[in-house]
Amino acid sequence: MTGSVGDAEDIVQDAFLGLSRAHQEGTEIVNTKAYLTTAVTRLGINYLHSARVRRETYVGDWLPEPIVVPADRPAEQAELADSLSMAFLVLLEALSPVERAVFMLREVFGYDYREVSRITGKSEANCRQIFARARQRIAAGGQVAGRAPSRERRAEGERLARRFFEVAAGGDMDALLGMLAPDVVLHGDGGGKVAAIGKRLAGRLPVVRLLLGVFRRAGILGVTLRPAWVNGRPGAVKFDAEGLVIGVIELDIADGMVNAIHAVANPDKLARIGANSDMA
């Protein structure tokens, strides 16, 4: 709902505080799960209304806070569904707060329309209309929610990601071009605090030229990449020569090719991964 781990934790905490106050006031709560689900959803909707205003003034592309799992812990990353991928979360930004809540409740968590109606305070008929509209917009963006990647797909993604980073670091332009989809898109989020592309870059040649320049500079400065699973997709964490975090890269891979690259360098979104580098 939020695209931010910290804000999500605040919302959950507020919901539990509300539950505690209700108990203290003697309110009878028959179904605790239903109470908390409703509270979290409505707090999330309120959050999104205010977040939309803030993001209108955001510098450059806005990307969600990366959720990073080390590559050597496959059991944990396997539990991350496609509903956490950056491409999917960015698409959700195009939905209104209520559309987003209804879509997540119905499509990702499997609530029936009666439950969605109770949680959101909308009629069942209205929820059906909202969901149909939201699902159509998400499908138009080529994303599917709630499906965990298969073991074979994860292994293929790992292999291709490893090869991708090796080729980029080696400066082989032809090989890199062959690994990218014709309509590949690169998104960069520096939040106006570190150097990053101002808007998304589309097309094989522009993306390859930028990548080769970035990796060439990284090699000179002693930057290293550590493989990781980022929002359930293969990627890597970038470290400077002192072992401080520079950024995170997520690769959106399908049919053996890289369709999208999401690079987060905004230090505010990297604090949970490790100490931040001051390298711009």
Protein backbone atom coordinates (compact mmCIF):
# COMPACT_ATOMS: atom_id res chain seq x y z
CA MET A 1 0.00 0.00 0.00
CA THR A 2 2.74 2.50 0.91
CA GLY A 3 5.90 1.60 -0.99
CA SER A 4 7.78 2.32 2.24
CA VAL A 5 8.69 -0.18 4.94
CA GLY A 6 8.91 2.51 7.62
CA ASP A 7 5.52 4.02 6.80
CA ALA A 8 3.97 0.56 6.63
CA GLU A 9 5.32 -0.22 10.11
CA ASP A 10 3.90 3.06 11.43
CA ILE A 11 0.47 2.21 10.04
CA VAL A 12 0.51 -1.26 11.60
CA GLN A 13 1.60 0.22 14.93
CA ASP A 14 -1.21 2.79 14.79
CA ALA A 15 -3.71 0.00 14.10
CA PHE A 16 -2.54 -1.97 17.15
CA LEU A 17 -2.66 1.17 19.30
CA GLY A 18 -6.25 1.66 18.17
CA LEU A 19 -7.01 -1.94 19.14
CA SER A 20 -5.45 -1.40 22.56
CA ARG A 21 -7.50 1.77 23.14
CA ALA A 22 -10.67 -0.04 22.11
CA HIS A 23 -10.00 -2.79 24.68
CA GLN A 24 -9.26 -0.20 27.39
CA GLU A 25 -12.56 1.55 26.63
CA GLY A 26 -14.43 -1.74 26.99
CA THR A 27 -15.32 -2.10 23.33
CA GLU A 28 -16.19 -5.68 22.44
CA ILE A 29 -14.26 -6.83 19.36
CA VAL A 30 -15.57 -10.11 18.03
CA ASN A 31 -13.01 -10.62 15.25
CA THR A 32 -9.56 -9.16 15.93
CA LYS A 33 -8.22 -9.95 12.47
CA ALA A 34 -11.14 -8.21 10.78
CA TYR A 35 -10.73 -5.19 13.07
CA LEU A 36 -7.01 -4.85 12.31
CA THR A 37 -7.43 -5.45 8.58
CA THR A 38 -10.02 -2.70 8.41
CA ALA A 39 -7.90 -0.33 10.49
CA VAL A 40 -4.75 -0.92 8.44
CA THR A 41 -6.62 -0.53 5.14
CA ARG A 42 -8.29 2.74 6.10
CA LEU A 43 -5.09 4.14 7.59
CA GLY A 44 -3.35 3.13 4.36
CA ILE A 45 -5.94 4.97 2.27
CA ASN A 46 -5.46 8.11 4.36
CA TYR A 47 -1.70 7.79 4.01
CA LEU A 48 -1.94 7.52 0.22
CA HIS A 49 -4.00 10.71 -0.03
CA SER A 50 -1.21 12.68 1.67
CA ALA A 51 1.60 10.77 -0.06
CA ARG A 52 0.18 11.64 -3.48
CA VAL A 53 0.60 15.33 -2.71
CA ARG A 54 4.21 14.81 -1.55
CA ARG A 55 5.14 12.77 -4.61
CA GLU A 56 3.96 15.50 -6.95
CA THR A 57 7.06 17.46 -5.91
CA TYR A 58 9.41 14.46 -5.84
CA VAL A 59 12.61 15.02 -7.84
CA GLY A 60 12.93 12.50 -10.69
CA ASP A 61 11.32 9.05 -10.81
CA TRP A 62 9.76 7.77 -7.57
CA LEU A 63 10.49 4.12 -6.85
CA PRO A 64 9.40 2.13 -3.79
CA GLU A 65 11.81 1.38 -0.98
CA PRO A 66 13.74 -1.77 -1.97
CA ILE A 67 13.23 -4.93 0.06
CA VAL A 68 16.54 -6.80 -0.14
CA VAL A 69 17.20 -10.45 0.67
CA PRO A 70 20.76 -11.82 0.22
CA ALA A 71 21.15 -14.19 -2.72
CA ASP A 72 22.31 -16.99 -0.41
CA ARG A 73 18.96 -17.06 1.42
CA PRO A 74 16.64 -18.46 -1.29
CA ALA A 75 14.03 -19.74 1.13
CA GLU A 76 13.19 -16.20 2.21
CA GLN A 77 13.16 -14.66 -1.24
CA ALA A 78 10.91 -17.45 -2.53
CA GLU A 79 8.19 -16.16 -0.23
CA LEU A 80 8.23 -12.74 -1.88
CA ALA A 81 5.40 -12.67 -4.41
CA ASP A 82 5.35 -10.67 -7.63
CA SER A 83 3.06 -8.24 -5.81
CA LEU A 84 6.25 -6.76 -4.29
CA SER A 85 8.10 -6.18 -7.56
CA MET A 86 8.99 -2.57 -8.27
CA ALA A 87 7.24 -2.63 -11.64
CA PHE A 88 4.02 -3.74 -9.95
CA LEU A 89 4.27 -1.25 -7.09
CA VAL A 90 4.97 1.59 -9.52
CA LEU A 91 1.86 0.63 -11.51
CA LEU A 92 -0.19 0.74 -8.30
CA GLU A 93 0.79 4.40 -7.98
CA ALA A 94 -1.49 5.15 -10.94
CA LEU A 95 -4.52 3.91 -8.98
CA SER A 96 -6.49 6.05 -6.58
CA PRO A 97 -6.07 5.17 -2.88
CA VAL A 98 -9.42 3.34 -2.75
CA GLU A 99 -8.73 1.53 -6.04
CA ARG A 100 -5.40 0.42 -4.68
CA ALA A 101 -6.94 -0.88 -1.45
CA VAL A 102 -9.76 -2.73 -3.20
CA PHE A 103 -7.37 -4.27 -5.73
CA MET A 104 -4.91 -5.46 -3.08
CA LEU A 105 -7.62 -6.89 -0.83
CA ARG A 106 -9.33 -8.75 -3.66
CA GLU A 107 -6.51 -9.75 -6.03
CA VAL A 108 -3.54 -10.24 -3.70
CA PHE A 109 -5.17 -11.32 -0.42
CA GLY A 110 -8.25 -13.05 -1.82
CA TYR A 111 -11.00 -11.33 0.19
CA ASP A 112 -14.51 -11.72 -1.23
CA TYR A 113 -16.52 -8.65 -2.19
CA ARG A 114 -18.60 -8.75 0.99
CA GLU A 115 -15.42 -8.51 3.06
CA VAL A 116 -13.89 -5.85 0.81
CA SER A 117 -17.11 -3.84 1.16
CA ARG A 118 -16.99 -4.06 4.95
CA ILE A 119 -13.31 -3.13 5.14
CA THR A 120 -13.46 -0.15 2.77
CA GLY A 121 -16.94 1.10 3.63
CA LYS A 122 -18.04 0.92 -0.02
CA SER A 123 -21.03 -1.06 -1.35
CA GLU A 124 -20.40 -4.50 -2.85
CA ALA A 125 -21.53 -3.28 -6.27
CA ASN A 126 -19.17 -0.31 -6.04
CA CYS A 127 -16.29 -2.57 -5.00
CA ARG A 128 -16.90 -4.78 -8.03
CA GLN A 129 -16.74 -1.74 -10.31
CA ILE A 130 -13.64 -0.37 -8.59
CA PHE A 131 -11.86 -3.71 -8.80
CA ALA A 132 -12.70 -4.24 -12.48
CA ARG A 133 -11.39 -0.77 -13.32
CA ALA A 134 -8.21 -1.24 -11.28
CA ARG A 135 -7.52 -4.70 -12.67
CA GLN A 136 -7.91 -3.46 -16.22
CA ARG A 137 -5.37 -0.68 -15.60
CA ILE A 138 -2.89 -3.07 -13.98
CA ALA A 139 -3.27 -5.64 -16.75
CA ALA A 140 -2.68 -2.92 -19.35
CA GLY A 141 0.72 -2.41 -17.72
CA GLY A 142 1.62 -6.06 -18.22
CA GLN A 143 1.73 -7.00 -14.54
CA VAL A 144 0.14 -9.88 -12.63
CA ALA A 145 -0.20 -9.82 -8.85
CA GLY A 146 0.22 -12.45 -6.21
CA ARG A 147 2.14 -15.16 -8.06
CA ALA A 148 5.37 -16.35 -6.48
CA PRO A 149 8.08 -17.13 -9.05
CA SER A 150 8.70 -20.85 -9.69
CA ARG A 151 12.00 -22.47 -8.70
CA GLU A 152 12.98 -22.76 -12.37
CA ARG A 153 12.19 -19.11 -13.03
CA ARG A 154 14.19 -18.01 -10.00
CA ALA A 155 17.19 -20.07 -11.08
CA GLU A 156 17.00 -18.68 -14.62
CA GLY A 157 16.74 -15.16 -13.24
CA GLU A 158 19.80 -15.68 -11.06
CA ARG A 159 21.87 -16.95 -13.96
CA LEU A 160 20.84 -14.17 -16.31
CA ALA A 161 21.37 -11.48 -13.66
CA ARG A 162 24.86 -12.79 -12.87
CA ARG A 163 25.73 -12.79 -16.57
CA PHE A 164 24.20 -9.34 -17.04
CA PHE A 165 26.37 -7.74 -14.36
CA GLU A 166 29.49 -9.53 -15.61
CA VAL A 167 28.93 -8.31 -19.17
CA ALA A 168 28.17 -4.76 -18.05
CA ALA A 169 31.31 -4.65 -15.91
CA GLY A 170 33.37 -6.06 -18.78
CA GLY A 171 32.16 -3.39 -21.20
CA ASP A 172 30.96 -5.79 -23.91
CA MET A 173 28.41 -3.60 -25.70
CA ASP A 174 27.22 -6.20 -28.22
CA ALA A 175 26.68 -8.87 -25.57
CA LEU A 176 24.81 -6.41 -23.37
CA LEU A 177 22.57 -5.33 -26.24
CA GLY A 178 21.66 -8.96 -26.78
CA MET A 179 20.49 -9.35 -23.18
CA LEU A 180 18.07 -6.43 -23.25
CA ALA A 181 14.52 -6.47 -24.59
CA PRO A 182 13.94 -4.04 -27.51
CA ASP A 183 11.68 -1.86 -25.36
CA VAL A 184 13.79 -2.10 -22.18
CA VAL A 185 13.29 0.75 -19.71
CA LEU A 186 15.67 2.00 -17.03
CA HIS A 187 14.28 3.83 -13.99
CA GLY A 188 16.53 5.68 -11.55
CA ASP A 189 15.55 7.14 -8.17
CA GLY A 190 18.01 9.52 -6.51
CA GLY A 191 15.32 11.64 -4.87
CA GLY A 192 17.27 14.78 -5.77
CA LYS A 193 19.86 13.82 -3.14
CA VAL A 194 22.36 11.91 -5.29
CA ALA A 195 23.13 11.77 -9.00
CA ALA A 196 20.51 9.82 -10.98
CA ILE A 197 18.76 10.05 -14.32
CA GLY A 198 16.03 12.68 -14.27
CA LYS A 199 13.46 10.57 -16.08
CA ARG A 200 13.18 7.02 -17.31
CA LEU A 201 15.37 5.94 -20.22
CA ALA A 202 13.88 3.69 -22.91
CA GLY A 203 15.42 1.62 -25.72
CA ARG A 204 18.37 -0.75 -25.95
CA LEU A 205 21.04 1.62 -27.22
CA PRO A 206 20.43 4.54 -24.82
CA VAL A 207 20.23 2.14 -21.86
CA VAL A 208 23.40 0.27 -22.86
CA ARG A 209 25.36 3.48 -23.31
CA LEU A 210 24.34 4.69 -19.87
CA LEU A 211 25.07 1.33 -18.22
CA LEU A 212 28.53 1.04 -19.75
CA GLY A 213 29.40 4.54 -18.56
CA VAL A 214 28.14 3.83 -15.04
CA PHE A 215 29.98 0.50 -14.77
CA ARG A 216 33.19 1.96 -16.21
CA ARG A 217 33.15 4.70 -13.55
CA ALA A 218 32.27 2.12 -10.88
CA GLY A 219 35.31 0.04 -11.80
CA ILE A 220 37.60 3.03 -11.50
CA LEU A 221 36.19 3.95 -8.07
CA GLY A 222 36.35 0.41 -6.68
CA VAL A 223 32.59 -0.13 -6.55
CA THR A 224 31.49 -3.75 -6.03
CA LEU A 225 28.20 -5.55 -6.58
CA ARG A 226 26.76 -8.14 -4.24
CA PRO A 227 24.01 -10.36 -5.73
CA ALA A 228 20.66 -10.10 -3.94
CA TRP A 229 16.95 -10.58 -4.41
CA VAL A 230 15.28 -7.18 -4.58
CA ASN A 231 11.50 -7.11 -4.13
CA GLY A 232 11.38 -10.74 -5.19
CA ARG A 233 13.42 -10.16 -8.36
CA PRO A 234 17.12 -10.82 -9.11
CA GLY A 235 19.40 -7.84 -8.61
CA ALA A 236 22.34 -6.54 -6.64
CA VAL A 237 23.43 -4.10 -3.95
CA LYS A 238 26.22 -1.66 -4.86
CA PHE A 239 28.97 -0.92 -2.32
CA ASP A 240 31.78 1.63 -2.42
CA ALA A 241 35.43 0.78 -1.72
CA GLU A 242 34.78 1.10 2.04
CA GLY A 243 31.83 -1.28 2.01
CA LEU A 244 29.15 1.39 2.34
CA VAL A 245 25.87 1.10 0.41
CA ILE A 246 25.59 3.18 -2.78
CA GLY A 247 22.43 1.79 -4.30
CA VAL A 248 20.27 -1.15 -5.26
CA ILE A 249 19.49 -2.55 -8.70
CA GLU A 250 16.48 -4.74 -9.55
CA LEU A 251 16.16 -6.56 -12.88
CA ASP A 252 12.76 -7.36 -14.37
CA ILE A 253 13.45 -10.51 -16.41
CA ALA A 254 11.09 -12.38 -18.75
CA ASP A 255 11.65 -14.80 -21.63
CA GLY A 256 15.41 -14.73 -21.06
CA MET A 257 15.75 -10.97 -21.45
CA VAL A 258 15.90 -7.91 -19.20
CA ASN A 259 12.71 -5.90 -19.70
CA ALA A 260 13.25 -3.24 -17.07
CA ILE A 261 15.93 -2.03 -14.67
CA HIS A 262 15.09 -0.22 -11.44
CA ALA A 263 17.98 1.52 -9.68
CA VAL A 264 17.44 3.12 -6.26
CA ALA A 265 20.14 5.46 -4.95
CA ASN A 266 18.09 7.76 -2.69
CA PRO A 267 19.87 7.33 0.67
CA ASP A 268 16.58 7.70 2.56
CA LYS A 269 15.45 4.42 0.99
CA LEU A 270 18.67 2.51 1.65
CA ALA A 271 19.08 3.01 5.39
CA ARG A 272 17.67 -0.43 6.24
CA ILE A 273 20.22 -2.16 4.02
CA GLY A 274 23.34 -0.69 5.62
CA ALA A 275 25.36 2.44 6.23
CA ASN A 276 25.12 4.80 3.26
CA SER A 277 28.02 5.93 1.14
CA ASP A 278 28.42 9.62 0.36
CA MET A 279 29.46 8.75 -3.19
CA ALA A 280 27.25 10.68 -5.65
